[in-house]
Protein backbone atom coordinates (compact mmCIF):
# COMPACT_ATOMS: atom_id res chain seq x y z
CA UNK A 1 74.85 88.01 120.56
CA UNK A 2 78.57 88.51 119.99
CA UNK A 3 80.64 89.36 123.05
CA UNK A 4 83.66 91.61 123.20
CA UNK A 5 84.79 94.63 121.29
CA UNK A 6 83.73 95.14 117.70
CA UNK A 7 86.50 94.46 115.19
CA UNK A 8 85.83 97.61 113.15
CA UNK A 9 87.25 100.94 114.29
CA UNK A 10 86.67 104.42 112.88
CA UNK A 11 90.27 105.38 113.67
CA UNK A 12 91.61 102.32 111.85
CA UNK A 13 89.33 103.00 108.87
CA UNK A 14 90.68 106.56 108.70
CA UNK A 15 94.24 105.19 108.81
CA UNK A 16 93.34 102.88 105.90
CA UNK A 17 92.08 105.93 103.99
CA UNK A 18 95.39 107.73 104.62
CA UNK A 19 97.44 104.72 103.49
CA UNK A 20 95.19 104.31 100.43
CA UNK A 21 96.31 107.70 99.07
CA UNK A 22 99.78 107.79 100.65
CA UNK A 23 100.80 104.31 99.50
CA UNK A 24 103.32 103.76 102.27
CA UNK A 25 104.09 105.66 105.45
CA UNK A 26 105.66 105.29 108.88
CA UNK A 27 103.76 105.50 112.15
CA UNK A 28 104.55 109.07 113.18
CA UNK A 29 103.85 110.35 109.66
CA UNK A 30 100.44 108.65 109.64
CA UNK A 31 99.63 109.97 113.15
CA UNK A 32 100.58 113.53 112.20
CA UNK A 33 98.48 113.42 109.03
CA UNK A 34 95.59 111.82 110.89
CA UNK A 35 95.42 114.67 113.41
CA UNK A 36 95.53 117.29 110.66
CA UNK A 37 92.70 115.69 108.64
CA UNK A 38 90.41 113.99 111.16
CA UNK A 39 89.34 114.77 114.74
CA UNK A 40 92.46 114.48 116.94
CA UNK A 41 93.43 111.10 118.40
CA UNK A 42 96.35 110.25 120.66
CA UNK A 43 99.51 108.77 119.15
CA UNK A 44 99.00 105.78 121.39
CA UNK A 45 95.59 105.17 119.81
CA UNK A 46 97.01 105.55 116.28
CA UNK A 47 99.86 103.12 116.98
CA UNK A 48 97.43 100.66 118.63
CA UNK A 49 95.23 100.74 115.53
CA UNK A 50 98.23 100.30 113.24
CA UNK A 51 99.19 97.16 115.21
CA UNK A 52 95.59 95.92 115.29
CA UNK A 53 95.35 96.56 111.53
CA UNK A 54 98.38 94.33 111.01
CA UNK A 55 96.64 91.56 113.00
CA UNK A 56 93.39 91.94 111.01
CA UNK A 57 95.41 92.13 107.76
CA UNK A 58 93.93 95.52 106.87
CA UNK A 59 97.45 96.98 107.14
CA UNK A 60 100.81 95.45 106.21
CA UNK A 61 104.15 96.31 107.78
CA UNK A 62 106.79 96.52 105.04
CA UNK A 63 110.04 97.35 106.71
CA UNK A 64 111.66 98.67 109.86
CA UNK A 65 114.44 101.23 109.52
CA UNK A 66 116.70 102.69 112.18
CA UNK A 67 117.53 106.36 111.77
CA UNK A 68 120.39 108.10 113.58
CA UNK A 69 119.95 111.57 115.06
CA UNK A 70 119.60 113.56 118.24
CA UNK A 71 116.24 112.78 119.81
CA UNK A 72 114.97 113.50 123.31
CA UNK A 73 114.99 109.76 124.07
CA UNK A 74 118.37 108.89 122.53
CA UNK A 75 120.36 108.75 119.34
CA UNK A 76 118.26 106.34 117.23
CA UNK A 77 114.67 106.04 116.13
CA UNK A 78 112.91 103.00 114.69
CA UNK A 79 110.57 103.72 111.78
CA UNK A 80 108.01 101.06 110.88
CA UNK A 81 106.60 101.49 107.38
CA UNK A 82 102.99 100.47 106.70
CA UNK A 83 100.78 100.09 103.62
CA UNK A 84 97.36 98.63 102.85
CA UNK A 85 96.80 94.94 103.53
CA UNK A 86 94.65 92.43 101.68
CA UNK A 87 91.59 92.97 103.93
CA UNK A 88 91.62 96.77 103.67
CA UNK A 89 88.45 98.38 102.37
CA UNK A 90 89.36 101.95 101.44
CA UNK A 91 86.39 104.11 100.49
CA UNK A 92 88.42 106.95 98.94
CA UNK A 93 87.83 109.74 101.49
CA UNK A 94 88.02 113.11 99.71
CA UNK A 95 89.45 114.86 102.78
CA UNK A 96 92.65 112.79 102.55
CA UNK A 97 92.94 113.33 98.79
CA UNK A 98 92.56 117.11 99.19
CA UNK A 99 95.06 117.21 102.06
CA UNK A 100 97.73 115.38 100.04
CA UNK A 101 96.99 117.52 96.99
CA UNK A 102 97.70 120.66 99.04
CA UNK A 103 100.97 119.20 100.32
CA UNK A 104 102.38 118.50 96.84
CA UNK A 105 105.42 120.67 96.13
CA UNK A 106 104.80 123.61 93.83
CA UNK A 107 106.43 123.24 90.41
CA UNK A 108 107.60 126.83 90.13
CA UNK A 109 109.64 128.11 93.07
CA UNK A 110 110.58 131.74 93.69
CA UNK A 111 114.05 131.08 92.16
CA UNK A 112 112.40 129.71 89.01
CA UNK A 113 110.11 132.75 88.86
CA UNK A 114 113.11 135.05 88.99
CA UNK A 115 114.94 133.03 86.35
CA UNK A 116 111.91 133.09 84.04
CA UNK A 117 111.62 136.86 84.56
CA UNK A 118 115.29 137.39 83.64
CA UNK A 119 114.96 135.16 80.57
CA UNK A 120 111.85 137.05 79.48
CA UNK A 121 113.70 140.36 79.95
CA UNK A 122 116.67 139.09 77.91
CA UNK A 123 114.40 137.95 75.06
CA UNK A 124 112.73 141.36 74.94
CA UNK A 125 116.12 143.12 74.93
CA UNK A 126 117.57 140.98 72.12
CA UNK A 127 114.46 141.31 69.93
CA UNK A 128 114.77 145.14 69.89
């Protein structure tokens, strides 16, 4: 019998599903998406599983960027970008795909609608 904690984690598998469709994302972005798609988990748990995923090679850390701004803890933030690693086994969860599909920007904005209306009106006026 094997002792200790099991290596697999449902939270980490869900993070792998997010990264499968997202491609690349930073920790807070993944945590925010996770809590909107799956049952809520603490940020601490998400970050732990991101780090554990790096150790198990399910997740790869690409880069670390420092961003300037006014945050409650200071003037800089460190963003660590993650993507799928070589040991990741994404199953293609439909919930993640649907969530990202809903978040895609709409092609026709209200300004474009107005412009197309004006152009249509002008065409009708010139054809008469």
